[in-house]
N, C-alpha and C. Protein backbone atom coordinates (compact mmCIF):
# COMPACT_ATOMS: atom_id res chain seq x y z
N MET A 1 77.57 78.91 39.97
CA MET A 1 78.58 79.12 38.96
C MET A 1 78.06 78.68 37.58
N ILE A 2 77.42 77.51 37.54
CA ILE A 2 76.92 77.01 36.27
C ILE A 2 75.81 77.92 35.76
N ARG A 3 74.99 78.40 36.69
CA ARG A 3 73.91 79.30 36.29
C ARG A 3 74.48 80.60 35.71
N ALA A 4 75.52 81.10 36.30
CA ALA A 4 76.16 82.33 35.81
C ALA A 4 76.74 82.11 34.42
N LEU A 5 77.35 80.94 34.19
CA LEU A 5 77.90 80.63 32.86
C LEU A 5 76.78 80.50 31.84
N ALA A 6 75.67 79.89 32.22
CA ALA A 6 74.54 79.74 31.31
C ALA A 6 73.97 81.11 30.94
N LEU A 7 73.81 81.98 31.94
CA LEU A 7 73.32 83.33 31.65
C LEU A 7 74.29 84.10 30.76
N PHE A 8 75.58 83.95 31.01
CA PHE A 8 76.60 84.59 30.19
C PHE A 8 76.51 84.08 28.74
N ALA A 9 76.32 82.79 28.55
CA ALA A 9 76.22 82.20 27.21
C ALA A 9 74.99 82.73 26.48
N VAL A 10 73.87 82.83 27.20
CA VAL A 10 72.65 83.36 26.58
C VAL A 10 72.85 84.83 26.20
N ALA A 11 73.45 85.61 27.10
CA ALA A 11 73.70 87.02 26.81
C ALA A 11 74.64 87.18 25.63
N LEU A 12 75.65 86.35 25.57
CA LEU A 12 76.60 86.39 24.45
C LEU A 12 75.91 86.03 23.14
N PHE A 13 75.01 85.06 23.17
CA PHE A 13 74.26 84.65 21.98
C PHE A 13 73.44 85.82 21.44
N PHE A 14 72.68 86.49 22.32
CA PHE A 14 71.85 87.61 21.89
C PHE A 14 72.70 88.80 21.46
N ALA A 15 73.82 89.02 22.09
CA ALA A 15 74.70 90.12 21.72
C ALA A 15 75.29 89.89 20.32
N ALA A 16 75.58 88.64 20.01
CA ALA A 16 76.15 88.32 18.71
C ALA A 16 75.17 88.63 17.58
N PHE A 17 73.87 88.42 17.85
CA PHE A 17 72.87 88.64 16.80
C PHE A 17 72.23 90.02 16.86
N ALA A 18 72.53 90.79 17.87
CA ALA A 18 71.93 92.12 17.98
C ALA A 18 72.38 93.03 16.85
N GLY A 19 73.63 92.89 16.38
CA GLY A 19 74.15 93.72 15.31
C GLY A 19 73.76 93.24 13.93
N CYS A 20 73.23 92.03 13.83
CA CYS A 20 72.86 91.48 12.52
C CYS A 20 71.52 92.04 12.08
N GLU A 21 71.42 92.41 10.84
CA GLU A 21 70.17 92.89 10.29
C GLU A 21 69.70 91.93 9.22
N ALA A 22 68.43 91.61 9.26
CA ALA A 22 67.86 90.78 8.21
C ALA A 22 67.68 91.64 6.96
N THR A 23 67.94 91.07 5.81
CA THR A 23 67.75 91.79 4.57
C THR A 23 66.26 91.95 4.32
N PRO A 24 65.79 93.18 4.14
CA PRO A 24 64.35 93.36 3.91
C PRO A 24 63.97 92.79 2.55
N PRO A 25 62.75 92.31 2.41
CA PRO A 25 62.33 91.77 1.11
C PRO A 25 62.29 92.87 0.06
N LEU A 26 62.50 92.46 -1.18
CA LEU A 26 62.48 93.43 -2.29
C LEU A 26 61.06 93.92 -2.54
N THR A 27 60.95 95.15 -2.93
CA THR A 27 59.65 95.71 -3.31
C THR A 27 59.36 95.29 -4.75
N PRO A 28 58.11 95.38 -5.19
CA PRO A 28 57.80 95.06 -6.59
C PRO A 28 58.63 95.86 -7.59
N THR A 29 58.89 97.12 -7.29
CA THR A 29 59.71 97.96 -8.18
C THR A 29 61.15 97.45 -8.24
N GLN A 30 61.69 97.02 -7.10
CA GLN A 30 63.05 96.47 -7.08
C GLN A 30 63.12 95.15 -7.85
N TRP A 31 62.09 94.29 -7.69
CA TRP A 31 62.07 93.04 -8.46
C TRP A 31 62.06 93.34 -9.95
N GLU A 32 61.23 94.30 -10.36
CA GLU A 32 61.14 94.64 -11.78
C GLU A 32 62.48 95.13 -12.32
N ALA A 33 63.16 95.97 -11.55
CA ALA A 33 64.47 96.49 -11.97
C ALA A 33 65.49 95.37 -12.08
N LEU A 34 65.45 94.43 -11.17
CA LEU A 34 66.39 93.31 -11.17
C LEU A 34 66.14 92.38 -12.35
N GLU A 35 64.89 92.17 -12.70
CA GLU A 35 64.53 91.13 -13.66
C GLU A 35 64.33 91.63 -15.10
N THR A 36 64.42 92.92 -15.36
CA THR A 36 64.10 93.46 -16.68
C THR A 36 65.36 93.97 -17.39
N ARG A 37 65.46 93.64 -18.67
CA ARG A 37 66.56 94.11 -19.52
C ARG A 37 65.98 94.60 -20.85
N LYS A 38 66.70 95.50 -21.49
CA LYS A 38 66.33 96.00 -22.82
C LYS A 38 66.91 95.08 -23.89
N VAL A 39 66.12 94.80 -24.92
CA VAL A 39 66.58 93.99 -26.05
C VAL A 39 66.17 94.71 -27.33
N GLU A 40 67.11 94.85 -28.24
CA GLU A 40 66.79 95.46 -29.53
C GLU A 40 66.09 94.44 -30.40
N GLY A 41 64.97 94.83 -30.98
CA GLY A 41 64.24 93.96 -31.89
C GLY A 41 62.75 94.12 -31.75
N LYS A 42 62.04 93.51 -32.67
CA LYS A 42 60.57 93.51 -32.62
C LYS A 42 60.11 92.49 -31.58
N ARG A 43 58.95 92.75 -30.99
CA ARG A 43 58.45 91.92 -29.90
C ARG A 43 58.36 90.44 -30.27
N ASP A 44 57.82 90.13 -31.45
CA ASP A 44 57.68 88.73 -31.83
C ASP A 44 59.04 88.04 -31.99
N ASP A 45 60.03 88.78 -32.51
CA ASP A 45 61.36 88.21 -32.67
C ASP A 45 62.02 87.96 -31.30
N VAL A 46 61.86 88.92 -30.39
CA VAL A 46 62.43 88.76 -29.04
C VAL A 46 61.73 87.62 -28.31
N LEU A 47 60.41 87.54 -28.45
CA LEU A 47 59.65 86.46 -27.80
C LEU A 47 60.09 85.10 -28.34
N ARG A 48 60.30 85.02 -29.64
CA ARG A 48 60.75 83.76 -30.26
C ARG A 48 62.14 83.38 -29.75
N ALA A 49 63.05 84.35 -29.67
CA ALA A 49 64.40 84.07 -29.19
C ALA A 49 64.39 83.67 -27.72
N ALA A 50 63.62 84.38 -26.90
CA ALA A 50 63.54 84.06 -25.47
C ALA A 50 62.92 82.68 -25.26
N SER A 51 61.93 82.33 -26.06
CA SER A 51 61.29 81.00 -25.96
C SER A 51 62.28 79.90 -26.29
N ALA A 52 63.14 80.15 -27.28
CA ALA A 52 64.17 79.16 -27.63
C ALA A 52 65.19 79.00 -26.50
N VAL A 53 65.55 80.10 -25.84
CA VAL A 53 66.50 80.03 -24.73
C VAL A 53 65.90 79.23 -23.57
N ILE A 54 64.61 79.40 -23.34
CA ILE A 54 63.94 78.63 -22.29
C ILE A 54 64.13 77.13 -22.56
N LEU A 55 63.90 76.71 -23.79
CA LEU A 55 64.09 75.29 -24.13
C LEU A 55 65.55 74.89 -24.00
N ASP A 56 66.46 75.77 -24.41
CA ASP A 56 67.89 75.49 -24.29
C ASP A 56 68.30 75.24 -22.85
N GLN A 57 67.64 75.90 -21.90
CA GLN A 57 67.96 75.76 -20.49
C GLN A 57 67.32 74.53 -19.84
N GLY A 58 66.60 73.73 -20.63
CA GLY A 58 66.04 72.48 -20.12
C GLY A 58 64.64 72.57 -19.55
N TYR A 59 63.95 73.67 -19.79
CA TYR A 59 62.57 73.82 -19.34
C TYR A 59 61.62 73.33 -20.42
N PHE A 60 60.37 73.04 -20.03
CA PHE A 60 59.33 72.76 -21.01
C PHE A 60 58.19 73.74 -20.76
N TYR A 61 57.51 74.12 -21.83
CA TYR A 61 56.46 75.13 -21.72
C TYR A 61 55.26 74.59 -20.94
N THR A 62 54.74 75.43 -20.05
CA THR A 62 53.51 75.09 -19.34
C THR A 62 52.37 76.00 -19.76
N ALA A 63 52.69 77.21 -20.20
CA ALA A 63 51.68 78.15 -20.68
C ALA A 63 52.36 79.21 -21.53
N SER A 64 51.63 79.68 -22.54
CA SER A 64 52.15 80.78 -23.34
C SER A 64 50.99 81.57 -23.93
N ASP A 65 51.23 82.84 -24.16
CA ASP A 65 50.24 83.71 -24.77
C ASP A 65 51.00 84.71 -25.63
N GLN A 66 51.03 84.45 -26.93
CA GLN A 66 51.79 85.29 -27.83
C GLN A 66 51.25 86.72 -27.85
N ALA A 67 49.94 86.88 -27.80
CA ALA A 67 49.35 88.23 -27.83
C ALA A 67 49.78 89.04 -26.61
N ALA A 68 49.92 88.38 -25.46
CA ALA A 68 50.34 89.07 -24.24
C ALA A 68 51.85 89.13 -24.11
N GLY A 69 52.56 88.33 -24.91
CA GLY A 69 54.02 88.31 -24.85
C GLY A 69 54.56 87.58 -23.64
N THR A 70 53.87 86.52 -23.21
CA THR A 70 54.30 85.78 -22.01
C THR A 70 54.52 84.31 -22.31
N VAL A 71 55.46 83.73 -21.58
CA VAL A 71 55.71 82.29 -21.61
C VAL A 71 56.08 81.87 -20.19
N THR A 72 55.53 80.76 -19.76
CA THR A 72 55.89 80.16 -18.47
C THR A 72 56.33 78.73 -18.76
N ALA A 73 57.38 78.31 -18.09
CA ALA A 73 57.92 76.97 -18.32
C ALA A 73 58.39 76.37 -17.00
N ALA A 74 58.54 75.06 -16.99
CA ALA A 74 58.96 74.35 -15.77
C ALA A 74 60.10 73.40 -16.08
N LYS A 75 60.91 73.18 -15.07
CA LYS A 75 61.99 72.19 -15.14
C LYS A 75 61.84 71.31 -13.91
N VAL A 76 61.68 70.03 -14.15
CA VAL A 76 61.47 69.10 -13.06
C VAL A 76 62.80 68.40 -12.76
N PRO A 77 63.32 68.58 -11.55
CA PRO A 77 64.55 67.87 -11.19
C PRO A 77 64.34 66.36 -11.28
N SER A 78 65.36 65.63 -11.66
CA SER A 78 65.22 64.19 -11.85
C SER A 78 64.71 63.50 -10.60
N SER A 79 65.05 64.01 -9.42
CA SER A 79 64.59 63.38 -8.17
C SER A 79 63.09 63.56 -7.97
N GLN A 80 62.46 64.50 -8.68
CA GLN A 80 61.03 64.78 -8.52
C GLN A 80 60.18 64.33 -9.70
N ARG A 81 60.81 63.83 -10.77
CA ARG A 81 60.05 63.53 -12.00
C ARG A 81 58.94 62.52 -11.80
N ASP A 82 59.21 61.44 -11.08
CA ASP A 82 58.19 60.42 -10.90
C ASP A 82 56.98 60.99 -10.15
N ALA A 83 57.22 61.69 -9.06
CA ALA A 83 56.12 62.28 -8.28
C ALA A 83 55.38 63.32 -9.11
N PHE A 84 56.11 64.10 -9.90
CA PHE A 84 55.50 65.13 -10.73
C PHE A 84 54.58 64.50 -11.77
N GLN A 85 55.05 63.47 -12.45
CA GLN A 85 54.25 62.83 -13.49
C GLN A 85 53.04 62.10 -12.90
N ARG A 86 53.20 61.45 -11.76
CA ARG A 86 52.10 60.72 -11.13
C ARG A 86 51.04 61.64 -10.55
N SER A 87 51.43 62.86 -10.20
CA SER A 87 50.47 63.77 -9.56
C SER A 87 49.71 64.62 -10.57
N GLY A 88 49.99 64.49 -11.81
CA GLY A 88 49.27 65.25 -12.82
C GLY A 88 49.91 66.58 -13.16
N GLY A 89 51.18 66.73 -12.82
CA GLY A 89 51.89 67.93 -13.23
C GLY A 89 51.81 69.06 -12.23
N MET A 90 51.60 70.26 -12.73
CA MET A 90 51.70 71.47 -11.92
C MET A 90 50.72 71.51 -10.75
N THR A 91 49.63 70.79 -10.81
CA THR A 91 48.65 70.84 -9.72
C THR A 91 48.98 69.87 -8.61
N GLY A 92 49.98 69.06 -8.79
CA GLY A 92 50.31 68.04 -7.79
C GLY A 92 51.21 68.55 -6.69
N PRO A 93 51.60 67.65 -5.80
CA PRO A 93 52.41 68.05 -4.65
C PRO A 93 53.88 68.31 -4.96
N ALA A 94 54.37 67.86 -6.10
CA ALA A 94 55.79 68.03 -6.42
C ALA A 94 56.04 69.47 -6.87
N MET A 95 57.00 70.12 -6.23
CA MET A 95 57.38 71.49 -6.60
C MET A 95 58.49 71.41 -7.64
N VAL A 96 58.43 72.30 -8.60
CA VAL A 96 59.42 72.31 -9.67
C VAL A 96 60.01 73.72 -9.79
N ASP A 97 61.07 73.82 -10.58
CA ASP A 97 61.66 75.12 -10.90
C ASP A 97 60.88 75.69 -12.08
N THR A 98 60.60 76.99 -12.03
CA THR A 98 59.85 77.61 -13.12
C THR A 98 60.57 78.87 -13.59
N ILE A 99 60.24 79.23 -14.81
CA ILE A 99 60.72 80.48 -15.39
C ILE A 99 59.53 81.11 -16.10
N SER A 100 59.41 82.41 -15.97
CA SER A 100 58.36 83.16 -16.66
C SER A 100 59.02 84.34 -17.35
N ILE A 101 58.56 84.63 -18.57
CA ILE A 101 59.08 85.79 -19.28
C ILE A 101 57.92 86.65 -19.76
N TRP A 102 58.18 87.95 -19.84
CA TRP A 102 57.26 88.91 -20.41
C TRP A 102 58.06 89.75 -21.38
N VAL A 103 57.54 89.92 -22.59
CA VAL A 103 58.19 90.77 -23.59
C VAL A 103 57.21 91.88 -23.94
N ILE A 104 57.66 93.13 -23.74
CA ILE A 104 56.81 94.29 -23.99
C ILE A 104 57.55 95.23 -24.94
N GLN A 105 56.90 95.59 -26.03
CA GLN A 105 57.49 96.54 -26.98
C GLN A 105 57.58 97.90 -26.29
N SER A 106 58.78 98.44 -26.14
CA SER A 106 58.96 99.72 -25.45
C SER A 106 59.35 100.85 -26.40
N GLY A 107 59.64 100.53 -27.63
CA GLY A 107 60.00 101.51 -28.65
C GLY A 107 59.86 100.87 -30.01
N PRO A 108 60.10 101.62 -31.07
CA PRO A 108 59.94 101.05 -32.41
C PRO A 108 60.82 99.82 -32.67
N SER A 109 62.01 99.81 -32.08
CA SER A 109 62.91 98.67 -32.32
C SER A 109 63.54 98.18 -31.01
N GLU A 110 62.79 98.30 -29.91
CA GLU A 110 63.32 97.90 -28.61
C GLU A 110 62.20 97.32 -27.74
N CYS A 111 62.57 96.29 -26.97
CA CYS A 111 61.62 95.64 -26.08
C CYS A 111 62.19 95.57 -24.67
N ASP A 112 61.29 95.51 -23.70
CA ASP A 112 61.66 95.18 -22.33
C ASP A 112 61.41 93.69 -22.17
N LEU A 113 62.44 92.97 -21.73
CA LEU A 113 62.34 91.54 -21.47
C LEU A 113 62.47 91.33 -19.97
N ARG A 114 61.44 90.80 -19.36
CA ARG A 114 61.49 90.50 -17.93
C ARG A 114 61.48 89.00 -17.76
N VAL A 115 62.42 88.51 -16.98
CA VAL A 115 62.52 87.07 -16.73
C VAL A 115 62.49 86.86 -15.22
N GLN A 116 61.66 85.91 -14.80
CA GLN A 116 61.50 85.63 -13.37
C GLN A 116 61.73 84.14 -13.13
N TYR A 117 62.64 83.85 -12.23
CA TYR A 117 62.94 82.47 -11.85
C TYR A 117 62.31 82.16 -10.50
N ARG A 118 61.79 80.96 -10.36
CA ARG A 118 61.33 80.42 -9.08
C ARG A 118 61.92 79.02 -8.95
N ASP A 119 62.60 78.78 -7.86
CA ASP A 119 63.15 77.45 -7.59
C ASP A 119 62.32 76.83 -6.46
N PHE A 120 61.66 75.71 -6.78
CA PHE A 120 60.78 75.03 -5.83
C PHE A 120 59.77 76.01 -5.22
N GLY A 121 59.25 76.90 -6.05
CA GLY A 121 58.22 77.84 -5.63
C GLY A 121 58.73 79.13 -5.01
N ARG A 122 60.02 79.23 -4.75
CA ARG A 122 60.60 80.42 -4.11
C ARG A 122 61.14 81.38 -5.17
N HIS A 123 60.69 82.63 -5.12
CA HIS A 123 61.14 83.66 -6.05
C HIS A 123 62.65 83.86 -5.87
N VAL A 124 63.40 83.76 -6.96
CA VAL A 124 64.86 83.80 -6.90
C VAL A 124 65.38 85.19 -7.24
N GLU A 125 66.21 85.72 -6.37
CA GLU A 125 66.87 87.00 -6.60
C GLU A 125 68.26 86.69 -7.14
N SER A 126 68.42 86.75 -8.48
CA SER A 126 69.70 86.40 -9.07
C SER A 126 69.98 87.25 -10.30
N ASN A 127 70.74 88.30 -10.12
CA ASN A 127 71.13 89.14 -11.23
C ASN A 127 71.95 88.33 -12.24
N GLU A 128 72.73 87.37 -11.75
CA GLU A 128 73.57 86.56 -12.64
C GLU A 128 72.71 85.71 -13.58
N ARG A 129 71.67 85.07 -13.07
CA ARG A 129 70.81 84.23 -13.92
C ARG A 129 70.06 85.07 -14.94
N VAL A 130 69.56 86.22 -14.51
CA VAL A 130 68.84 87.10 -15.43
C VAL A 130 69.79 87.61 -16.51
N SER A 131 70.99 88.01 -16.12
CA SER A 131 71.97 88.49 -17.11
C SER A 131 72.39 87.39 -18.07
N ALA A 132 72.55 86.17 -17.58
CA ALA A 132 72.89 85.04 -18.46
C ALA A 132 71.76 84.77 -19.45
N PHE A 133 70.52 84.84 -18.98
CA PHE A 133 69.38 84.63 -19.87
C PHE A 133 69.35 85.73 -20.93
N TRP A 134 69.51 86.99 -20.52
CA TRP A 134 69.52 88.11 -21.44
C TRP A 134 70.62 87.95 -22.49
N SER A 135 71.82 87.54 -22.06
CA SER A 135 72.93 87.33 -23.00
C SER A 135 72.61 86.25 -24.01
N ALA A 136 71.97 85.17 -23.55
CA ALA A 136 71.60 84.09 -24.46
C ALA A 136 70.56 84.57 -25.48
N VAL A 137 69.62 85.40 -25.04
CA VAL A 137 68.63 85.96 -25.96
C VAL A 137 69.32 86.87 -26.97
N GLN A 138 70.27 87.67 -26.52
CA GLN A 138 71.01 88.55 -27.43
C GLN A 138 71.73 87.74 -28.50
N ARG A 139 72.38 86.64 -28.09
CA ARG A 139 73.07 85.78 -29.06
C ARG A 139 72.08 85.22 -30.07
N ARG A 140 70.92 84.79 -29.61
CA ARG A 140 69.89 84.27 -30.52
C ARG A 140 69.42 85.35 -31.49
N MET A 141 69.25 86.57 -30.99
CA MET A 141 68.79 87.67 -31.84
C MET A 141 69.81 87.99 -32.93
N LEU A 142 71.09 87.91 -32.61
CA LEU A 142 72.12 88.20 -33.60
C LEU A 142 72.20 87.15 -34.69
N LYS A 143 71.87 85.91 -34.38
CA LYS A 143 71.92 84.83 -35.37
C LYS A 143 70.63 84.72 -36.20
N GLN A 144 69.60 85.41 -35.77
CA GLN A 144 68.29 85.28 -36.40
C GLN A 144 68.24 85.95 -37.77
N GLU A 145 67.53 85.33 -38.67
CA GLU A 145 67.30 85.92 -39.98
C GLU A 145 66.36 87.10 -39.84
N PRO A 146 66.54 88.14 -40.63
CA PRO A 146 65.62 89.28 -40.54
C PRO A 146 64.21 88.88 -40.97
N SER A 147 63.24 89.59 -40.43
CA SER A 147 61.85 89.34 -40.81
C SER A 147 61.69 89.64 -42.30
N PRO A 148 60.85 88.83 -42.98
CA PRO A 148 60.67 89.08 -44.41
C PRO A 148 60.03 90.45 -44.66
N ALA A 149 60.50 91.09 -45.72
CA ALA A 149 59.96 92.41 -46.07
C ALA A 149 58.54 92.26 -46.62
N THR A 150 57.69 93.20 -46.25
CA THR A 150 56.33 93.15 -46.77
C THR A 150 56.29 93.82 -48.14
N GLY A 151 55.46 93.31 -49.00
CA GLY A 151 55.36 93.85 -50.36
C GLY A 151 54.82 95.26 -50.37
N GLY A 152 55.22 96.06 -51.35
CA GLY A 152 54.76 97.44 -51.39
C GLY A 152 54.43 97.90 -52.75
């Protein structure tokens, strides 16, 4: 009797999960679509605004390349700060949250802004975080002074 109940429990367990499907991982094209937004403005202005938003969100820069239009930054949770600082930063055993942005001029007055979040090394799928970042960049762009006119 106990053996029959055990077999029934195992069969019930597998039956419960037979209908469940694991979500397939996103393809590179799907990641790009999720993480990229259009921003009106010149590339340097968008890059400057996005860099300011990164600081506003509590990250610090770890690498940047203005010519390539990229910035990478890290945020160390308070519980990991001591280990992070003692290990020499990014090369140490402490994992941190990171953000990376790419700004690409896609038209005369429009850029593609791609933002990628990683929490403790794991690529984050979050339309909400990307949209919030994009909105913050838009607000920065609206408050920004226009680029100085070149003499003619």
